[in-house]
Amino acid sequence: MSVANGKASHDKKGTYDKNAKAEAHEWLMAMGRDGRHRIERLGWKRLASIYLAAAPGSAIRKAINAEARRCGYTPRAIIALHAE
């Protein structure tokens, strides 16, 4: 299943997945074995690419904005520095 662009896609079984955006957000906020969210472990460059692929106002963008603010950065600065 591809959720890079945040659109619904097909999985390997050929079934249609209408909830790819929710799954992407769920994956990003999932806890690892060390008790930290994936969003905390990903680099800013990867988070910037996920942010730019998500729709404005989406849960994914809100989560990345919150993580940037938690670390003391403005989301605009993170995206400007690490976007390709």
C-alpha atoms as a PDB file:
ATOM      1  CA  MET A   1       0.000   0.000   0.000  1.00  0.00           C
ATOM      2  CA  SER A   2       1.340   3.417  -0.909  1.00  0.00           C
ATOM      3  CA  VAL A   3       0.397   6.346   1.309  1.00  0.00           C
ATOM      4  CA  ALA A   4       3.145   8.751   0.270  1.00  0.00           C
ATOM      5  CA  ASN A   5       0.694  11.071  -1.433  1.00  0.00           C
ATOM      6  CA  GLY A   6      -2.065  10.539   1.140  1.00  0.00           C
ATOM      7  CA  LYS A   7      -4.551   9.147  -1.384  1.00  0.00           C
ATOM      8  CA  ALA A   8      -6.450   5.893  -1.269  1.00  0.00           C
ATOM      9  CA  SER A   9      -4.597   3.041  -2.877  1.00  0.00           C
ATOM     10  CA  HIS A  10      -4.661  -0.681  -3.518  1.00  0.00           C
ATOM     11  CA  ASP A  11      -2.936  -3.169  -1.266  1.00  0.00           C
ATOM     12  CA  LYS A  12      -1.159  -6.365  -2.367  1.00  0.00           C
ATOM     13  CA  LYS A  13      -4.394  -8.357  -2.281  1.00  0.00           C
ATOM     14  CA  GLY A  14      -5.965  -5.987  -4.795  1.00  0.00           C
ATOM     15  CA  THR A  15      -8.553  -4.636  -2.377  1.00  0.00           C
ATOM     16  CA  TYR A  16      -9.289  -0.949  -2.334  1.00  0.00           C
ATOM     17  CA  ASP A  17      -8.187   0.996   0.739  1.00  0.00           C
ATOM     18  CA  LYS A  18     -10.250   4.136   1.319  1.00  0.00           C
ATOM     19  CA  ASN A  19      -8.586   4.991   4.603  1.00  0.00           C
ATOM     20  CA  ALA A  20      -4.918   5.430   3.617  1.00  0.00           C
ATOM     21  CA  LYS A  21      -4.671   8.860   5.259  1.00  0.00           C
ATOM     22  CA  ALA A  22      -5.854   7.546   8.599  1.00  0.00           C
ATOM     23  CA  GLU A  23      -3.457   4.627   8.367  1.00  0.00           C
ATOM     24  CA  ALA A  24      -0.554   6.968   7.587  1.00  0.00           C
ATOM     25  CA  HIS A  25      -1.372   9.089  10.625  1.00  0.00           C
ATOM     26  CA  GLU A  26      -1.774   5.981  12.761  1.00  0.00           C
ATOM     27  CA  TRP A  27       1.618   4.682  11.570  1.00  0.00           C
ATOM     28  CA  LEU A  28       3.296   8.016  12.302  1.00  0.00           C
ATOM     29  CA  MET A  29       1.888   8.134  15.840  1.00  0.00           C
ATOM     30  CA  ALA A  30       2.489   4.442  16.665  1.00  0.00           C
ATOM     31  CA  MET A  31       4.693   3.604  19.636  1.00  0.00           C
ATOM     32  CA  GLY A  32       7.886   1.638  19.162  1.00  0.00           C
ATOM     33  CA  ARG A  33       9.374  -0.883  21.537  1.00  0.00           C
ATOM     34  CA  ASP A  34      11.322   1.859  23.236  1.00  0.00           C
ATOM     35  CA  GLY A  35       8.101   3.716  24.114  1.00  0.00           C
ATOM     36  CA  ARG A  36       8.654   6.584  21.677  1.00  0.00           C
ATOM     37  CA  HIS A  37       6.405   7.581  18.779  1.00  0.00           C
ATOM     38  CA  ARG A  38       7.740   7.096  15.253  1.00  0.00           C
ATOM     39  CA  ILE A  39       7.354  10.814  14.658  1.00  0.00           C
ATOM     40  CA  GLU A  40       9.964  11.384  17.378  1.00  0.00           C
ATOM     41  CA  ARG A  41      12.478   9.037  15.727  1.00  0.00           C
ATOM     42  CA  LEU A  42      12.191  10.198  12.112  1.00  0.00           C
ATOM     43  CA  GLY A  43      14.582  12.844  10.841  1.00  0.00           C
ATOM     44  CA  TRP A  44      13.423  16.324   9.923  1.00  0.00           C
ATOM     45  CA  LYS A  45      14.159  15.703   6.251  1.00  0.00           C
ATOM     46  CA  ARG A  46      11.788  12.711   6.193  1.00  0.00           C
ATOM     47  CA  LEU A  47       9.157  14.591   8.204  1.00  0.00           C
ATOM     48  CA  ALA A  48       9.406  17.516   5.761  1.00  0.00           C
ATOM     49  CA  SER A  49       8.706  15.223   2.798  1.00  0.00           C
ATOM     50  CA  ILE A  50       5.735  13.639   4.623  1.00  0.00           C
ATOM     51  CA  TYR A  51       4.470  17.114   5.528  1.00  0.00           C
ATOM     52  CA  LEU A  52       4.636  18.361   1.945  1.00  0.00           C
ATOM     53  CA  ALA A  53       2.845  15.248   0.658  1.00  0.00           C
ATOM     54  CA  ALA A  54      -0.055  15.665   3.113  1.00  0.00           C
ATOM     55  CA  ALA A  55      -3.030  17.932   2.512  1.00  0.00           C
ATOM     56  CA  PRO A  56      -3.205  21.284   4.323  1.00  0.00           C
ATOM     57  CA  GLY A  57      -5.007  20.982   7.647  1.00  0.00           C
ATOM     58  CA  SER A  58      -4.679  17.188   7.737  1.00  0.00           C
ATOM     59  CA  ALA A  59      -4.011  15.242  10.927  1.00  0.00           C
ATOM     60  CA  ILE A  60      -0.546  14.341   9.634  1.00  0.00           C
ATOM     61  CA  ARG A  61       0.437  17.986   9.180  1.00  0.00           C
ATOM     62  CA  LYS A  62      -0.963  18.876  12.590  1.00  0.00           C
ATOM     63  CA  ALA A  63       1.079  16.099  14.208  1.00  0.00           C
ATOM     64  CA  ILE A  64       4.293  17.257  12.511  1.00  0.00           C
ATOM     65  CA  ASN A  65       3.566  20.873  13.500  1.00  0.00           C
ATOM     66  CA  ALA A  66       3.053  19.788  17.109  1.00  0.00           C
ATOM     67  CA  GLU A  67       6.318  17.799  17.080  1.00  0.00           C
ATOM     68  CA  ALA A  68       8.251  20.767  15.673  1.00  0.00           C
ATOM     69  CA  ARG A  69       6.816  23.075  18.345  1.00  0.00           C
ATOM     70  CA  ARG A  70       7.544  20.504  21.056  1.00  0.00           C
ATOM     71  CA  CYS A  71      11.204  20.568  19.986  1.00  0.00           C
ATOM     72  CA  GLY A  72      11.260  24.384  19.987  1.00  0.00           C
ATOM     73  CA  TYR A  73      11.135  24.959  16.233  1.00  0.00           C
ATOM     74  CA  THR A  74       8.620  26.669  14.012  1.00  0.00           C
ATOM     75  CA  PRO A  75       7.156  24.320  11.405  1.00  0.00           C
ATOM     76  CA  ARG A  76       7.940  26.833   8.651  1.00  0.00           C
ATOM     77  CA  ALA A  77      11.665  26.773   9.509  1.00  0.00           C
ATOM     78  CA  ILE A  78      11.801  22.962   9.501  1.00  0.00           C
ATOM     79  CA  ILE A  79      10.092  22.696   6.112  1.00  0.00           C
ATOM     80  CA  ALA A  80      12.215  25.454   4.569  1.00  0.00           C
ATOM     81  CA  LEU A  81      15.495  23.924   5.752  1.00  0.00           C
ATOM     82  CA  HIS A  82      14.796  20.305   4.860  1.00  0.00           C
ATOM     83  CA  ALA A  83      12.412  20.305   1.888  1.00  0.00           C
ATOM     84  CA  GLU A  84      13.789  19.036  -1.395  1.00  0.00           C
END
